Amino acid sequence: MAHLTAAFCVAFATHASATPTAGRIVGGVKDVFNKFSPTFGTGQGRKASTQGWTFGGWTPIVAMDAPEDEYDVELSDSEVDNSVDTEPYMAANGRVRGRDNTDFMMKGTDASLYGWLTLEDEGRAFEYTTDADGNVQVDEVPLDKVKPPCGLEEPEAPSREAEEQALEVHEEAYRGQDLRYLQSQPGARAVLLLDIDVYFRNKRTGDAVVRYDKRHFFENWQATAAGFSMFNLNVVTDHAVYDRTPIRNRVLACFYDQEGRSHAYPNSIGSNRCGSFNYRQRTGYGLGRTTLHEVGHQFSLRHDGDVTSSGRREYSNGLSAFRYVPIMGNFWRGNSWGSQALYQWSKGEYNGATNREDDLS
C-alpha cells in the first residue's frame, strides 16, 4: 500500500497497458518543480498556500510536440510543504483553459514529480513522469489509465437478516457520536479524510442535515477504518486534523448522497484532490466496502480478477467455500454470507488470480 508509514510519493501502477507514443521532455525536474511552487525556498513556513493563483494568468503546459497539443492550465490550488525537517514537496490541481471536463494534477518533490492532464470529451490523457536523468517527460496514454471506470454495482438486496448479521458482528452500533470529529488512530502520520461536507447545508457545522442517515455514515467510517487498521493511517471526518497534516501524507475521499457509480483517480494520494467519488449505497457497511475499494485505487491498486472455466473476470468472486472475497475484487459477493463474510486485501493467493500485486506492501 505504498508504505503508509512513509511519505506518499509513490510510483504509478497502471491497470491498463498504455499505447506507446513518442514522449516529450518538459524540462528538468527542479525547474518544473519551481514553476509550480514559487514559494519554494522563500522560508514562508511549512505550508505556503496559493489558492486561486494562476501565475499571473495561464500557465502553458506542453503535452506533445504538435502545437494543438499545447494547453494552458489554470490552477485552482497549489500548496507547498517547505518544512526544514523534510524534503520540499508540492501539489497542484487545475483545469485546461477554455475546455470543459478537463483536469490537471502535478505533485511530488524537486527530485521526482508525477502528474496528468485529461480531456474527457476528447477521450485523451497525458501522463507526466520523471525519468532516470531527472527530466519530466510527458506521454499520451489511454484515458482509462488515469481515470479507470469501475463496473461494480450493488446487487439486489439479500435478506435483511443477512445484512443485519454482518453489521452485528463487524461493527459497533451508532450511539449518537458526533460525525464531524471521528478519528480511528489519533496521532498517526498519515490521514484519510472522509469528506461528508456535501451532506450538510452548513459546511462543517453538522446542522440542518439534508436526506442524511447518521447511522449509515458511522457504519461507513467504521468499515473503512477497520480495513486500514493495520497501517499508520488515521481515518477521520475532522477537517482540522486533515488540514494540520502535511500535504504529502493526505488522502481525500468524497461522498455524495445521490445515485451514481463510484470511481477513483489512481495515485491521487499526497494532494488536495478529491481522489475518489463515493455514491449512496443501501447500507453504511456496503458504502464502507465501496470506500475501501475506491481508496485502494487512490493508492494505485488494481482490480483483483480471476480466470475460471467461464472465462476471465475483471472482479474475482473470491472463494465461496471460505466465504472470502478480495477488497479489490467483487466485494458485493459477500452480501449473502452475512456474519461469515471475510473481506481482505490480497496478493492473488487463490487459483486463477489475474493480479499478483501485494496490496499490503
Protein backbone atom coordinates (compact mmCIF):
# COMPACT_ATOMS: atom_id res chain seq x y z
CA MET A 1 0.00 0.00 0.00
CA ALA A 2 2.88 2.29 -0.88
CA HIS A 3 4.21 2.15 2.69
CA LEU A 4 1.72 4.23 4.63
CA THR A 5 4.30 4.89 7.32
CA ALA A 6 6.40 6.83 4.82
CA ALA A 7 5.77 9.85 2.59
CA PHE A 8 3.07 9.42 -0.06
CA CYS A 9 5.27 9.85 -3.14
CA VAL A 10 4.72 6.56 -4.95
CA ALA A 11 5.19 5.17 -8.43
CA PHE A 12 2.13 4.92 -10.64
CA ALA A 13 0.80 1.41 -11.14
CA THR A 14 -1.28 1.16 -14.30
CA HIS A 15 -4.29 -1.15 -14.58
CA ALA A 16 -4.30 -0.86 -18.38
CA SER A 17 -1.50 -1.04 -20.91
CA ALA A 18 -0.68 2.35 -22.41
CA THR A 19 -0.44 2.87 -26.15
CA PRO A 20 3.24 3.70 -26.85
CA THR A 21 3.78 7.28 -28.04
CA ALA A 22 6.80 9.46 -28.66
CA GLY A 23 7.01 11.42 -25.42
CA ARG A 24 8.49 14.84 -24.91
CA ILE A 25 10.80 16.27 -22.29
CA VAL A 26 9.06 19.12 -20.47
CA GLY A 27 12.16 20.18 -18.54
CA GLY A 28 14.41 19.34 -15.63
CA VAL A 29 12.55 18.21 -12.55
CA LYS A 30 13.86 21.07 -10.37
CA ASP A 31 12.80 23.68 -12.95
CA VAL A 32 9.32 22.20 -13.28
CA PHE A 33 9.02 21.90 -9.50
CA ASN A 34 9.89 25.58 -9.03
CA LYS A 35 7.44 26.58 -11.74
CA PHE A 36 4.58 25.05 -9.79
CA SER A 37 5.82 26.04 -6.34
CA PRO A 38 7.13 29.62 -6.50
CA THR A 39 7.27 29.88 -2.73
CA PHE A 40 9.86 27.09 -2.54
CA GLY A 41 12.94 28.37 -0.76
CA THR A 42 11.37 31.59 0.49
CA GLY A 43 11.22 30.50 4.11
CA GLN A 44 7.49 31.10 4.39
CA GLY A 45 6.94 28.11 6.62
CA ARG A 46 5.73 24.55 6.31
CA LYS A 47 2.81 25.36 4.02
CA ALA A 48 2.52 28.22 1.57
CA SER A 49 -0.94 28.17 0.06
CA THR A 50 -1.61 29.81 -3.29
CA GLN A 51 -5.37 29.30 -3.54
CA GLY A 52 -6.69 30.58 -6.84
CA TRP A 53 -3.26 31.72 -8.01
CA THR A 54 -2.71 31.33 -11.77
CA PHE A 55 0.88 32.51 -12.18
CA GLY A 56 -0.29 35.91 -13.40
CA GLY A 57 -2.70 34.37 -15.89
CA TRP A 58 -2.38 30.99 -17.55
CA THR A 59 0.48 28.55 -17.31
CA PRO A 60 1.49 26.82 -20.56
CA ILE A 61 1.74 23.06 -20.15
CA VAL A 62 3.34 21.29 -23.08
CA ALA A 63 1.62 18.00 -23.75
CA MET A 64 3.11 16.74 -27.02
CA ASP A 65 5.08 18.10 -29.96
CA ALA A 66 2.10 19.22 -32.04
CA PRO A 67 1.12 22.89 -31.43
CA GLU A 68 -2.52 21.92 -30.99
CA ASP A 69 -1.45 19.77 -28.05
CA GLU A 70 -0.07 22.65 -26.01
CA TYR A 71 -2.53 23.54 -23.29
CA ASP A 72 -2.82 26.40 -20.85
CA VAL A 73 -3.68 25.34 -17.31
CA GLU A 74 -5.40 27.43 -14.66
CA LEU A 75 -4.61 26.30 -11.12
CA SER A 76 -7.41 26.01 -8.60
CA ASP A 77 -4.92 25.40 -5.79
CA SER A 78 -1.21 24.90 -5.25
CA GLU A 79 0.35 24.04 -1.90
CA VAL A 80 3.95 23.72 -0.83
CA ASP A 81 5.40 21.83 2.13
CA ASN A 82 8.75 23.52 2.71
CA SER A 83 9.49 22.49 6.29
CA VAL A 84 13.08 22.24 7.42
CA ASP A 85 12.76 18.62 8.55
CA THR A 86 11.72 17.09 5.24
CA GLU A 87 12.41 17.41 1.51
CA PRO A 88 10.38 20.05 -0.36
CA TYR A 89 7.05 18.78 -1.65
CA MET A 90 4.29 20.42 -3.67
CA ALA A 91 0.89 19.54 -5.10
CA ALA A 92 -1.18 21.49 -7.64
CA ASN A 93 -4.60 20.98 -9.24
CA GLY A 94 -6.27 22.78 -12.12
CA ARG A 95 -8.04 22.64 -15.47
CA VAL A 96 -7.38 23.46 -19.12
CA ARG A 97 -8.24 26.95 -20.28
CA GLY A 98 -11.36 27.18 -22.40
CA ARG A 99 -12.24 23.48 -22.25
CA ASP A 100 -14.94 21.75 -20.25
CA ASN A 101 -14.47 18.40 -18.48
CA THR A 102 -10.72 18.73 -18.15
CA ASP A 103 -8.47 18.01 -15.18
CA PHE A 104 -4.84 18.61 -14.25
CA MET A 105 -2.69 17.42 -11.34
CA MET A 106 1.02 17.66 -10.54
CA LYS A 107 2.67 16.54 -7.30
CA GLY A 108 5.98 15.43 -5.85
CA THR A 109 9.41 16.68 -4.80
CA ASP A 110 12.16 18.57 -6.57
CA ALA A 111 13.70 15.16 -7.33
CA SER A 112 10.62 13.30 -8.62
CA LEU A 113 7.33 14.61 -10.00
CA TYR A 114 4.21 12.85 -11.20
CA GLY A 115 1.10 14.26 -12.84
CA TRP A 116 -1.54 14.02 -15.53
CA LEU A 117 -3.84 16.06 -17.74
CA THR A 118 -7.19 14.73 -19.01
CA LEU A 119 -9.58 15.90 -21.71
CA GLU A 120 -12.62 13.70 -21.16
CA ASP A 121 -14.74 14.97 -24.03
CA GLU A 122 -11.91 14.12 -26.43
CA GLY A 123 -11.10 10.81 -24.72
CA ARG A 124 -7.45 11.83 -24.27
CA ALA A 125 -5.00 11.85 -21.38
CA PHE A 126 -1.35 12.79 -20.83
CA GLU A 127 0.88 11.46 -18.06
CA TYR A 128 3.90 13.27 -16.57
CA THR A 129 6.70 11.17 -15.09
CA THR A 130 10.31 11.74 -14.04
CA ASP A 131 12.95 9.74 -15.94
CA ALA A 132 16.28 8.40 -14.73
CA ASP A 133 18.09 11.53 -15.93
CA GLY A 134 15.99 13.84 -13.78
CA ASN A 135 13.77 15.14 -16.57
CA VAL A 136 9.98 15.43 -16.50
CA GLN A 137 8.56 13.66 -19.54
CA VAL A 138 5.01 13.70 -20.88
CA ASP A 139 3.40 10.84 -22.82
CA GLU A 140 -0.07 10.39 -24.20
CA VAL A 141 -1.78 7.43 -22.52
CA PRO A 142 -5.26 5.87 -22.64
CA LEU A 143 -7.79 7.91 -20.66
CA ASP A 144 -8.73 4.88 -18.58
CA LYS A 145 -5.19 4.65 -17.25
CA VAL A 146 -5.65 7.97 -15.46
CA LYS A 147 -9.38 7.65 -14.83
CA PRO A 148 -10.32 3.96 -14.86
CA PRO A 149 -14.00 3.02 -14.86
CA CYS A 150 -15.34 0.83 -12.06
CA GLY A 151 -18.06 -1.55 -13.22
CA LEU A 152 -19.15 -2.85 -9.83
CA GLU A 153 -22.79 -2.25 -8.98
CA GLU A 154 -24.62 -3.11 -5.78
CA PRO A 155 -26.69 -6.25 -6.41
CA GLU A 156 -30.27 -6.83 -5.42
CA ALA A 157 -30.72 -6.92 -1.66
CA PRO A 158 -30.18 -10.25 0.10
CA SER A 159 -32.30 -10.93 3.11
CA ARG A 160 -32.31 -8.09 5.62
CA GLU A 161 -31.39 -10.70 8.22
CA ALA A 162 -28.08 -11.40 6.45
CA GLU A 163 -27.23 -7.69 6.31
CA GLU A 164 -28.04 -7.18 9.99
CA GLN A 165 -25.95 -10.21 10.97
CA ALA A 166 -22.95 -8.74 9.19
CA LEU A 167 -23.37 -5.43 10.97
CA GLU A 168 -23.78 -7.03 14.41
CA VAL A 169 -20.54 -9.00 14.06
CA HIS A 170 -18.36 -6.45 12.31
CA GLU A 171 -19.46 -3.06 13.60
CA GLU A 172 -20.36 -1.13 16.74
CA ALA A 173 -23.84 0.33 16.92
CA TYR A 174 -24.26 4.06 16.36
CA ARG A 175 -24.95 5.80 19.68
CA GLY A 176 -25.09 9.44 18.70
CA GLN A 177 -21.37 10.05 18.17
CA ASP A 178 -20.56 13.43 16.61
CA LEU A 179 -19.79 12.59 12.99
CA ARG A 180 -17.71 15.73 12.49
CA TYR A 181 -14.87 14.60 14.78
CA LEU A 182 -14.32 10.88 14.18
CA GLN A 183 -10.74 9.55 14.29
CA SER A 184 -9.58 5.94 14.06
CA GLN A 185 -5.91 6.37 15.07
CA PRO A 186 -5.23 9.82 16.54
CA GLY A 187 -1.62 10.84 16.04
CA ALA A 188 -0.96 8.58 13.04
CA ARG A 189 1.40 10.05 10.49
CA ALA A 190 -0.98 9.77 7.52
CA VAL A 191 -4.61 10.91 7.34
CA LEU A 192 -7.54 9.79 5.19
CA LEU A 193 -10.39 12.31 5.28
CA LEU A 194 -13.89 11.01 4.56
CA ASP A 195 -15.36 14.30 3.41
CA ILE A 196 -19.08 14.48 4.16
CA ASP A 197 -19.44 18.24 3.73
CA VAL A 198 -21.66 17.72 0.71
CA TYR A 199 -24.30 16.20 3.00
CA PHE A 200 -24.71 19.40 5.00
CA ARG A 201 -26.36 22.73 4.22
CA ASN A 202 -23.92 24.49 6.55
CA LYS A 203 -20.48 23.06 5.94
CA ARG A 204 -18.62 21.70 8.96
CA THR A 205 -21.39 22.66 11.41
CA GLY A 206 -23.41 19.46 11.41
CA ASP A 207 -26.61 21.50 11.44
CA ALA A 208 -29.54 21.14 9.05
CA VAL A 209 -28.90 17.69 7.68
CA VAL A 210 -30.38 17.01 4.24
CA ARG A 211 -31.59 13.45 3.49
CA TYR A 212 -28.88 12.12 5.73
CA ASP A 213 -28.73 8.98 7.86
CA LYS A 214 -26.09 9.38 10.58
CA ARG A 215 -26.03 5.68 11.38
CA HIS A 216 -25.35 5.00 7.70
CA PHE A 217 -22.22 7.13 7.62
CA PHE A 218 -20.97 5.94 11.00
CA GLU A 219 -21.07 2.37 9.65
CA ASN A 220 -19.15 3.55 6.58
CA TRP A 221 -16.45 5.17 8.73
CA GLN A 222 -16.10 2.03 10.88
CA ALA A 223 -15.75 -0.29 7.88
CA THR A 224 -13.17 1.98 6.26
CA ALA A 225 -11.21 2.39 9.49
CA ALA A 226 -11.18 -1.37 10.06
CA GLY A 227 -9.88 -2.00 6.54
CA PHE A 228 -6.90 0.30 7.12
CA SER A 229 -6.34 -0.54 10.79
CA MET A 230 -3.05 -2.34 10.10
CA PHE A 231 -1.46 0.85 8.74
CA ASN A 232 -0.24 4.06 10.36
CA LEU A 233 -3.29 5.84 8.93
CA ASN A 234 -5.89 7.88 10.79
CA VAL A 235 -9.31 7.66 9.11
CA VAL A 236 -11.06 10.91 10.04
CA THR A 237 -14.04 13.14 9.34
CA ASP A 238 -12.42 16.11 11.11
CA HIS A 239 -11.19 18.74 8.62
CA ALA A 240 -8.92 20.33 11.23
CA VAL A 241 -6.92 17.10 11.60
CA TYR A 242 -6.63 16.81 7.82
CA ASP A 243 -5.56 20.45 7.42
CA ARG A 244 -2.80 20.07 10.04
CA THR A 245 -1.31 17.08 8.20
CA PRO A 246 1.49 17.73 5.66
CA ILE A 247 0.03 17.50 2.19
CA ARG A 248 2.27 14.59 1.21
CA ASN A 249 0.58 12.47 3.90
CA ARG A 250 -3.03 13.28 2.98
CA VAL A 251 -5.72 11.23 1.25
CA LEU A 252 -9.12 12.70 0.40
CA ALA A 253 -12.30 10.74 -0.37
CA CYS A 254 -15.62 12.47 -1.08
CA PHE A 255 -19.20 11.26 -0.56
CA TYR A 256 -22.44 12.15 -2.28
CA ASP A 257 -25.94 11.36 -1.09
CA GLN A 258 -27.17 10.58 -4.59
CA GLU A 259 -27.21 7.79 -7.12
CA GLY A 260 -24.04 7.26 -9.15
CA ARG A 261 -21.21 4.89 -9.97
CA SER A 262 -18.30 5.27 -7.57
CA HIS A 263 -14.86 5.76 -9.12
CA ALA A 264 -11.35 6.98 -8.29
CA TYR A 265 -8.17 8.56 -9.68
CA PRO A 266 -5.17 6.21 -9.19
CA ASN A 267 -2.14 7.69 -7.44
CA SER A 268 -4.10 10.68 -6.17
CA ILE A 269 -2.72 10.46 -2.64
CA GLY A 270 -0.45 13.24 -1.43
CA SER A 271 -2.59 16.03 -2.84
CA ASN A 272 -5.69 18.07 -2.05
CA ARG A 273 -7.52 16.39 -4.90
CA CYS A 274 -10.70 14.53 -4.12
CA GLY A 275 -9.33 11.24 -5.38
CA SER A 276 -12.39 9.04 -5.04
CA PHE A 277 -16.08 9.72 -5.52
CA ASN A 278 -18.34 7.51 -3.47
CA TYR A 279 -22.09 7.43 -4.02
CA ARG A 280 -25.04 6.23 -1.99
CA GLN A 281 -25.34 2.53 -1.20
CA ARG A 282 -28.14 0.65 0.53
CA THR A 283 -26.25 0.26 3.82
CA GLY A 284 -23.36 2.01 5.52
CA TYR A 285 -21.47 -1.27 5.60
CA GLY A 286 -21.84 -1.53 1.84
CA LEU A 287 -20.64 2.05 1.43
CA GLY A 288 -17.64 1.24 3.63
CA ARG A 289 -16.58 -1.63 1.39
CA THR A 290 -17.02 0.62 -1.63
CA THR A 291 -14.83 3.24 0.05
CA LEU A 292 -12.07 0.71 0.75
CA HIS A 293 -12.12 -0.42 -2.88
CA GLU A 294 -12.01 3.12 -4.32
CA VAL A 295 -9.37 4.39 -1.87
CA GLY A 296 -7.38 1.29 -2.84
CA HIS A 297 -7.34 2.72 -6.36
CA GLN A 298 -6.10 6.03 -4.94
CA PHE A 299 -3.08 4.05 -3.71
CA SER A 300 -2.69 2.69 -7.28
CA LEU A 301 -4.05 -0.76 -6.50
CA ARG A 302 -5.55 -2.62 -9.47
CA HIS A 303 -8.59 -4.87 -9.64
CA ASP A 304 -8.26 -8.44 -8.38
CA GLY A 305 -9.71 -10.60 -11.13
CA ASP A 306 -9.61 -14.29 -11.93
CA VAL A 307 -9.80 -16.82 -14.75
CA THR A 308 -12.41 -19.56 -14.47
CA SER A 309 -13.86 -22.17 -16.81
CA SER A 310 -16.30 -19.48 -17.92
CA GLY A 311 -13.53 -17.07 -18.89
CA ARG A 312 -11.67 -14.09 -17.48
CA ARG A 313 -13.36 -11.80 -14.94
CA GLU A 314 -12.31 -8.26 -14.06
CA TYR A 315 -13.53 -8.77 -10.48
CA SER A 316 -12.90 -12.02 -8.63
CA ASN A 317 -15.83 -13.54 -6.74
CA GLY A 318 -13.41 -14.96 -4.20
CA LEU A 319 -13.69 -18.37 -2.58
CA SER A 320 -17.23 -19.28 -1.57
CA ALA A 321 -16.04 -22.30 0.43
CA PHE A 322 -14.19 -19.92 2.76
CA ARG A 323 -16.68 -17.04 2.46
CA TYR A 324 -13.72 -14.93 1.27
CA VAL A 325 -13.56 -12.17 -1.33
CA PRO A 326 -10.74 -9.68 -2.06
CA ILE A 327 -11.49 -6.00 -1.41
CA MET A 328 -10.24 -5.09 -4.88
CA GLY A 329 -12.48 -7.79 -6.36
CA ASN A 330 -16.26 -8.22 -6.33
CA PHE A 331 -16.77 -7.43 -2.66
CA TRP A 332 -20.55 -7.47 -3.13
CA ARG A 333 -20.35 -11.27 -3.36
CA GLY A 334 -20.15 -11.40 0.43
CA ASN A 335 -23.57 -9.83 0.93
CA SER A 336 -25.35 -13.16 1.18
CA TRP A 337 -22.79 -14.64 3.58
CA GLY A 338 -23.83 -12.45 6.49
CA SER A 339 -21.57 -12.68 9.55
CA GLN A 340 -19.33 -15.28 7.88
CA ALA A 341 -18.15 -12.94 5.10
CA LEU A 342 -14.41 -12.18 5.07
CA TYR A 343 -13.07 -9.19 3.13
CA GLN A 344 -9.30 -8.83 2.83
CA TRP A 345 -6.52 -7.15 0.89
CA SER A 346 -4.94 -9.66 -1.44
CA LYS A 347 -1.78 -10.69 -3.25
CA GLY A 348 -3.53 -13.09 -5.60
CA GLU A 349 -3.33 -16.10 -3.28
CA TYR A 350 -6.14 -18.01 -5.00
CA ASN A 351 -6.39 -20.14 -8.13
CA GLY A 352 -6.76 -18.24 -11.38
CA ALA A 353 -5.76 -14.86 -9.94
CA THR A 354 -5.01 -12.25 -12.61
CA ASN A 355 -3.27 -9.81 -10.26
CA ARG A 356 -0.38 -10.85 -8.01
CA GLU A 357 0.47 -7.43 -6.57
CA ASP A 358 0.69 -7.42 -2.77
CA ASP A 359 -1.89 -4.91 -1.59
CA LEU A 360 -0.19 -4.68 1.82
CA SER A 361 3.37 -3.97 0.66
